[in-house]
């Protein structure tokens, strides 16, 4: 008998809990009561489906890819530069008629600087590749939204309006309302 009473009470509490769609509709109505020119003229026409808002990092992914390509190009440029300098050093070593030690030392400094730059850019490249590999995490839950069509008296007369309402993640407040269509 106790089990039946407990189950019945649980069913009542679960059945009485407002559904997210109802919460969203109530938030919309409260928002409109506070913001409409003539709240008493409000007449609901249609509520859309409650939907999630997700931020896709498509632009971010494209930017990362551009940065990766730029870093690869920079590294390639430094590698070509090192090969060129090494070629000059080889040529200078063959020259017996002038003292080339200073030129060779300068080129070796350039090579060392280029190698350091390659190391730095390689680290940056590795960091970008790690970031772009997190593709699964690029979709971030931002909140919820619902469209709502209604009639109301405005300064221009009675109008049929359709707004998209955006809610916070917890579905406790309307964050924005924008005209659609």
C-alpha atoms as a PDB file:
ATOM      1  CA  UNK A   1       0.000   0.000   0.000  1.00  0.00           C
ATOM      2  CA  UNK A   2       2.860   2.357   0.878  1.00  0.00           C
ATOM      3  CA  UNK A   3       4.457   1.673  -2.497  1.00  0.00           C
ATOM      4  CA  UNK A   4       1.283   2.655  -4.310  1.00  0.00           C
ATOM      5  CA  UNK A   5       1.029   5.929  -2.368  1.00  0.00           C
ATOM      6  CA  UNK A   6       4.706   6.725  -3.012  1.00  0.00           C
ATOM      7  CA  UNK A   7       4.327   5.957  -6.724  1.00  0.00           C
ATOM      8  CA  UNK A   8       1.174   8.081  -6.905  1.00  0.00           C
ATOM      9  CA  UNK A   9       2.922  11.003  -5.168  1.00  0.00           C
ATOM     10  CA  UNK A  10       5.918  10.710  -7.471  1.00  0.00           C
ATOM     11  CA  UNK A  11       3.651  10.672 -10.503  1.00  0.00           C
ATOM     12  CA  UNK A  12       1.926  13.822  -9.243  1.00  0.00           C
ATOM     13  CA  UNK A  13       5.207  15.647  -8.737  1.00  0.00           C
ATOM     14  CA  UNK A  14       6.607  14.539 -12.089  1.00  0.00           C
ATOM     15  CA  UNK A  15       3.329  15.350 -13.829  1.00  0.00           C
ATOM     16  CA  UNK A  16       3.141  18.763 -12.165  1.00  0.00           C
ATOM     17  CA  UNK A  17       6.632  19.852 -13.114  1.00  0.00           C
ATOM     18  CA  UNK A  18       6.365  22.318 -15.989  1.00  0.00           C
ATOM     19  CA  UNK A  19       7.816  21.181 -19.279  1.00  0.00           C
ATOM     20  CA  UNK A  20      10.605  23.292 -20.789  1.00  0.00           C
ATOM     21  CA  UNK A  21       8.313  24.398 -23.634  1.00  0.00           C
ATOM     22  CA  UNK A  22       5.767  25.672 -21.090  1.00  0.00           C
ATOM     23  CA  UNK A  23       8.489  27.463 -19.125  1.00  0.00           C
ATOM     24  CA  UNK A  24       9.698  29.141 -22.327  1.00  0.00           C
ATOM     25  CA  UNK A  25       6.151  30.177 -23.264  1.00  0.00           C
ATOM     26  CA  UNK A  26       5.613  31.660 -19.800  1.00  0.00           C
ATOM     27  CA  UNK A  27       8.901  33.567 -20.012  1.00  0.00           C
ATOM     28  CA  UNK A  28       7.848  34.947 -23.399  1.00  0.00           C
ATOM     29  CA  UNK A  29       4.479  36.063 -22.051  1.00  0.00           C
ATOM     30  CA  UNK A  30       6.109  37.731 -19.034  1.00  0.00           C
ATOM     31  CA  UNK A  31       8.637  39.445 -21.297  1.00  0.00           C
ATOM     32  CA  UNK A  32       5.914  40.735 -23.606  1.00  0.00           C
ATOM     33  CA  UNK A  33       3.828  41.993 -20.685  1.00  0.00           C
ATOM     34  CA  UNK A  34       6.799  44.133 -19.652  1.00  0.00           C
ATOM     35  CA  UNK A  35       7.801  45.346 -23.122  1.00  0.00           C
ATOM     36  CA  UNK A  36       4.700  45.739 -25.310  1.00  0.00           C
ATOM     37  CA  UNK A  37       3.218  49.197 -25.872  1.00  0.00           C
ATOM     38  CA  UNK A  38      -0.248  47.867 -24.985  1.00  0.00           C
ATOM     39  CA  UNK A  39       0.100  44.571 -23.077  1.00  0.00           C
ATOM     40  CA  UNK A  40      -3.671  44.211 -22.763  1.00  0.00           C
ATOM     41  CA  UNK A  41      -3.940  43.887 -26.569  1.00  0.00           C
ATOM     42  CA  UNK A  42      -1.586  40.856 -26.650  1.00  0.00           C
ATOM     43  CA  UNK A  43      -3.075  37.834 -28.403  1.00  0.00           C
ATOM     44  CA  UNK A  44      -0.980  34.687 -28.821  1.00  0.00           C
ATOM     45  CA  UNK A  45      -1.145  33.114 -32.283  1.00  0.00           C
ATOM     46  CA  UNK A  46       1.523  30.427 -32.348  1.00  0.00           C
ATOM     47  CA  UNK A  47       4.541  29.229 -30.404  1.00  0.00           C
ATOM     48  CA  UNK A  48       7.335  27.475 -32.273  1.00  0.00           C
ATOM     49  CA  UNK A  49       9.385  24.538 -31.023  1.00  0.00           C
ATOM     50  CA  UNK A  50      11.912  25.062 -28.251  1.00  0.00           C
ATOM     51  CA  UNK A  51      15.307  24.623 -29.897  1.00  0.00           C
ATOM     52  CA  UNK A  52      18.920  24.682 -28.769  1.00  0.00           C
ATOM     53  CA  UNK A  53      21.362  27.349 -29.854  1.00  0.00           C
ATOM     54  CA  UNK A  54      24.791  25.980 -30.560  1.00  0.00           C
ATOM     55  CA  UNK A  55      27.798  27.987 -31.550  1.00  0.00           C
ATOM     56  CA  UNK A  56      29.718  26.269 -34.304  1.00  0.00           C
ATOM     57  CA  UNK A  57      33.324  27.183 -34.601  1.00  0.00           C
ATOM     58  CA  UNK A  58      33.320  27.048 -38.417  1.00  0.00           C
ATOM     59  CA  UNK A  59      34.894  30.491 -38.735  1.00  0.00           C
ATOM     60  CA  UNK A  60      37.373  29.618 -36.012  1.00  0.00           C
ATOM     61  CA  UNK A  61      38.322  26.408 -37.809  1.00  0.00           C
ATOM     62  CA  UNK A  62      38.940  28.324 -41.042  1.00  0.00           C
ATOM     63  CA  UNK A  63      41.051  30.862 -39.160  1.00  0.00           C
ATOM     64  CA  UNK A  64      43.071  28.083 -37.524  1.00  0.00           C
ATOM     65  CA  UNK A  65      43.633  26.435 -40.890  1.00  0.00           C
ATOM     66  CA  UNK A  66      44.889  29.733 -42.328  1.00  0.00           C
ATOM     67  CA  UNK A  67      47.260  30.143 -39.364  1.00  0.00           C
ATOM     68  CA  UNK A  68      48.543  26.585 -39.826  1.00  0.00           C
ATOM     69  CA  UNK A  69      49.224  27.223 -43.511  1.00  0.00           C
ATOM     70  CA  UNK A  70      50.958  30.519 -42.671  1.00  0.00           C
ATOM     71  CA  UNK A  71      53.187  28.827 -40.077  1.00  0.00           C
ATOM     72  CA  UNK A  72      54.035  26.037 -42.531  1.00  0.00           C
ATOM     73  CA  UNK A  73      54.951  28.648 -45.167  1.00  0.00           C
ATOM     74  CA  UNK A  74      57.134  30.551 -42.687  1.00  0.00           C
ATOM     75  CA  UNK A  75      58.937  27.365 -41.654  1.00  0.00           C
ATOM     76  CA  UNK A  76      59.476  26.450 -45.312  1.00  0.00           C
ATOM     77  CA  UNK A  77      60.852  29.933 -45.984  1.00  0.00           C
ATOM     78  CA  UNK A  78      63.364  29.601 -43.126  1.00  0.00           C
ATOM     79  CA  UNK A  79      64.386  26.127 -44.321  1.00  0.00           C
ATOM     80  CA  UNK A  80      65.035  27.466 -47.838  1.00  0.00           C
ATOM     81  CA  UNK A  81      66.982  30.350 -46.342  1.00  0.00           C
ATOM     82  CA  UNK A  82      69.185  27.939 -44.372  1.00  0.00           C
ATOM     83  CA  UNK A  83      69.887  25.904 -47.519  1.00  0.00           C
ATOM     84  CA  UNK A  84      70.796  29.086 -49.377  1.00  0.00           C
ATOM     85  CA  UNK A  85      73.133  30.204 -46.578  1.00  0.00           C
ATOM     86  CA  UNK A  86      74.723  26.747 -46.466  1.00  0.00           C
ATOM     87  CA  UNK A  87      75.326  27.018 -50.205  1.00  0.00           C
ATOM     88  CA  UNK A  88      77.009  30.402 -49.740  1.00  0.00           C
ATOM     89  CA  UNK A  89      79.195  28.962 -46.961  1.00  0.00           C
ATOM     90  CA  UNK A  90      80.248  26.083 -49.213  1.00  0.00           C
ATOM     91  CA  UNK A  91      81.103  28.582 -51.951  1.00  0.00           C
ATOM     92  CA  UNK A  92      83.044  30.836 -49.547  1.00  0.00           C
ATOM     93  CA  UNK A  93      85.084  27.860 -48.312  1.00  0.00           C
ATOM     94  CA  UNK A  94      86.207  27.193 -51.905  1.00  0.00           C
ATOM     95  CA  UNK A  95      87.476  30.754 -52.316  1.00  0.00           C
ATOM     96  CA  UNK A  96      91.174  30.827 -51.604  1.00  0.00           C
ATOM     97  CA  UNK A  97      91.892  34.365 -52.804  1.00  0.00           C
ATOM     98  CA  UNK A  98      89.930  36.292 -50.081  1.00  0.00           C
ATOM     99  CA  UNK A  99      89.432  35.929 -46.363  1.00  0.00           C
ATOM    100  CA  UNK A 100      85.853  34.610 -46.012  1.00  0.00           C
ATOM    101  CA  UNK A 101      85.836  33.759 -42.298  1.00  0.00           C
ATOM    102  CA  UNK A 102      83.785  36.884 -41.399  1.00  0.00           C
ATOM    103  CA  UNK A 103      81.234  36.159 -44.123  1.00  0.00           C
ATOM    104  CA  UNK A 104      80.955  32.551 -43.018  1.00  0.00           C
ATOM    105  CA  UNK A 105      80.552  33.569 -39.357  1.00  0.00           C
ATOM    106  CA  UNK A 106      77.799  36.044 -40.327  1.00  0.00           C
ATOM    107  CA  UNK A 107      75.993  33.383 -42.355  1.00  0.00           C
ATOM    108  CA  UNK A 108      76.292  30.865 -39.515  1.00  0.00           C
ATOM    109  CA  UNK A 109      74.678  33.444 -37.197  1.00  0.00           C
ATOM    110  CA  UNK A 110      71.873  33.835 -39.730  1.00  0.00           C
ATOM    111  CA  UNK A 111      71.456  30.059 -39.866  1.00  0.00           C
ATOM    112  CA  UNK A 112      71.322  29.867 -36.052  1.00  0.00           C
ATOM    113  CA  UNK A 113      68.686  32.627 -36.010  1.00  0.00           C
ATOM    114  CA  UNK A 114      66.663  30.848 -38.678  1.00  0.00           C
ATOM    115  CA  UNK A 115      66.878  27.551 -36.773  1.00  0.00           C
ATOM    116  CA  UNK A 116      65.621  29.315 -33.647  1.00  0.00           C
ATOM    117  CA  UNK A 117      62.746  30.811 -35.649  1.00  0.00           C
ATOM    118  CA  UNK A 118      61.922  27.384 -37.073  1.00  0.00           C
ATOM    119  CA  UNK A 119      61.792  25.974 -33.519  1.00  0.00           C
ATOM    120  CA  UNK A 120      59.468  28.788 -32.392  1.00  0.00           C
ATOM    121  CA  UNK A 121      57.183  28.501 -35.411  1.00  0.00           C
ATOM    122  CA  UNK A 122      57.152  24.702 -35.129  1.00  0.00           C
ATOM    123  CA  UNK A 123      55.940  25.023 -31.534  1.00  0.00           C
ATOM    124  CA  UNK A 124      53.220  27.435 -32.688  1.00  0.00           C
ATOM    125  CA  UNK A 125      52.306  25.053 -35.506  1.00  0.00           C
ATOM    126  CA  UNK A 126      52.045  22.124 -33.077  1.00  0.00           C
ATOM    127  CA  UNK A 127      49.824  24.211 -30.798  1.00  0.00           C
ATOM    128  CA  UNK A 128      47.524  25.099 -33.711  1.00  0.00           C
ATOM    129  CA  UNK A 129      47.324  21.459 -34.799  1.00  0.00           C
ATOM    130  CA  UNK A 130      46.337  20.434 -31.269  1.00  0.00           C
ATOM    131  CA  UNK A 131      43.659  23.142 -31.227  1.00  0.00           C
ATOM    132  CA  UNK A 132      42.223  22.108 -34.588  1.00  0.00           C
ATOM    133  CA  UNK A 133      42.193  18.455 -33.477  1.00  0.00           C
ATOM    134  CA  UNK A 134      39.637  19.361 -30.802  1.00  0.00           C
ATOM    135  CA  UNK A 135      36.986  19.481 -33.511  1.00  0.00           C
ATOM    136  CA  UNK A 136      34.497  17.501 -31.426  1.00  0.00           C
ATOM    137  CA  UNK A 137      34.541  20.283 -28.841  1.00  0.00           C
ATOM    138  CA  UNK A 138      33.792  22.999 -31.367  1.00  0.00           C
ATOM    139  CA  UNK A 139      30.066  22.809 -30.892  1.00  0.00           C
ATOM    140  CA  UNK A 140      29.168  24.698 -27.734  1.00  0.00           C
ATOM    141  CA  UNK A 141      25.703  24.877 -26.164  1.00  0.00           C
ATOM    142  CA  UNK A 142      24.788  28.555 -25.859  1.00  0.00           C
ATOM    143  CA  UNK A 143      21.140  28.528 -24.835  1.00  0.00           C
ATOM    144  CA  UNK A 144      17.640  27.957 -26.121  1.00  0.00           C
ATOM    145  CA  UNK A 145      15.314  29.708 -28.551  1.00  0.00           C
ATOM    146  CA  UNK A 146      11.677  29.725 -29.543  1.00  0.00           C
ATOM    147  CA  UNK A 147       9.704  31.710 -32.101  1.00  0.00           C
ATOM    148  CA  UNK A 148       6.364  33.216 -31.228  1.00  0.00           C
ATOM    149  CA  UNK A 149       3.715  34.832 -33.410  1.00  0.00           C
ATOM    150  CA  UNK A 150       1.231  37.179 -31.775  1.00  0.00           C
ATOM    151  CA  UNK A 151      -1.025  40.154 -32.386  1.00  0.00           C
ATOM    152  CA  UNK A 152      -0.653  43.365 -30.482  1.00  0.00           C
ATOM    153  CA  UNK A 153      -1.449  47.033 -30.785  1.00  0.00           C
ATOM    154  CA  UNK A 154       1.632  49.055 -31.651  1.00  0.00           C
ATOM    155  CA  UNK A 155       2.046  52.752 -32.480  1.00  0.00           C
ATOM    156  CA  UNK A 156       1.395  51.690 -36.091  1.00  0.00           C
ATOM    157  CA  UNK A 157      -1.883  49.931 -35.220  1.00  0.00           C
ATOM    158  CA  UNK A 158      -2.746  46.301 -34.561  1.00  0.00           C
ATOM    159  CA  UNK A 159      -0.076  44.076 -36.056  1.00  0.00           C
ATOM    160  CA  UNK A 160       0.827  40.434 -36.405  1.00  0.00           C
ATOM    161  CA  UNK A 161       4.406  40.034 -35.219  1.00  0.00           C
ATOM    162  CA  UNK A 162       6.766  37.081 -35.179  1.00  0.00           C
ATOM    163  CA  UNK A 163       9.744  37.225 -32.841  1.00  0.00           C
ATOM    164  CA  UNK A 164      12.556  34.842 -32.039  1.00  0.00           C
ATOM    165  CA  UNK A 165      13.214  34.726 -28.320  1.00  0.00           C
ATOM    166  CA  UNK A 166      16.575  33.586 -26.985  1.00  0.00           C
ATOM    167  CA  UNK A 167      16.897  32.221 -23.466  1.00  0.00           C
ATOM    168  CA  UNK A 168      19.825  31.555 -21.177  1.00  0.00           C
ATOM    169  CA  UNK A 169      21.149  28.013 -20.712  1.00  0.00           C
ATOM    170  CA  UNK A 170      19.096  27.440 -17.555  1.00  0.00           C
ATOM    171  CA  UNK A 171      15.868  28.653 -19.201  1.00  0.00           C
ATOM    172  CA  UNK A 172      15.286  31.314 -16.557  1.00  0.00           C
ATOM    173  CA  UNK A 173      15.354  34.565 -18.548  1.00  0.00           C
ATOM    174  CA  UNK A 174      14.758  35.954 -22.009  1.00  0.00           C
ATOM    175  CA  UNK A 175      18.103  37.275 -23.235  1.00  0.00           C
ATOM    176  CA  UNK A 176      16.861  38.790 -26.473  1.00  0.00           C
ATOM    177  CA  UNK A 177      13.885  39.087 -28.767  1.00  0.00           C
ATOM    178  CA  UNK A 178      14.295  39.819 -32.472  1.00  0.00           C
ATOM    179  CA  UNK A 179      11.815  40.230 -35.309  1.00  0.00           C
ATOM    180  CA  UNK A 180      11.803  37.435 -37.858  1.00  0.00           C
ATOM    181  CA  UNK A 181      10.296  37.543 -41.336  1.00  0.00           C
END
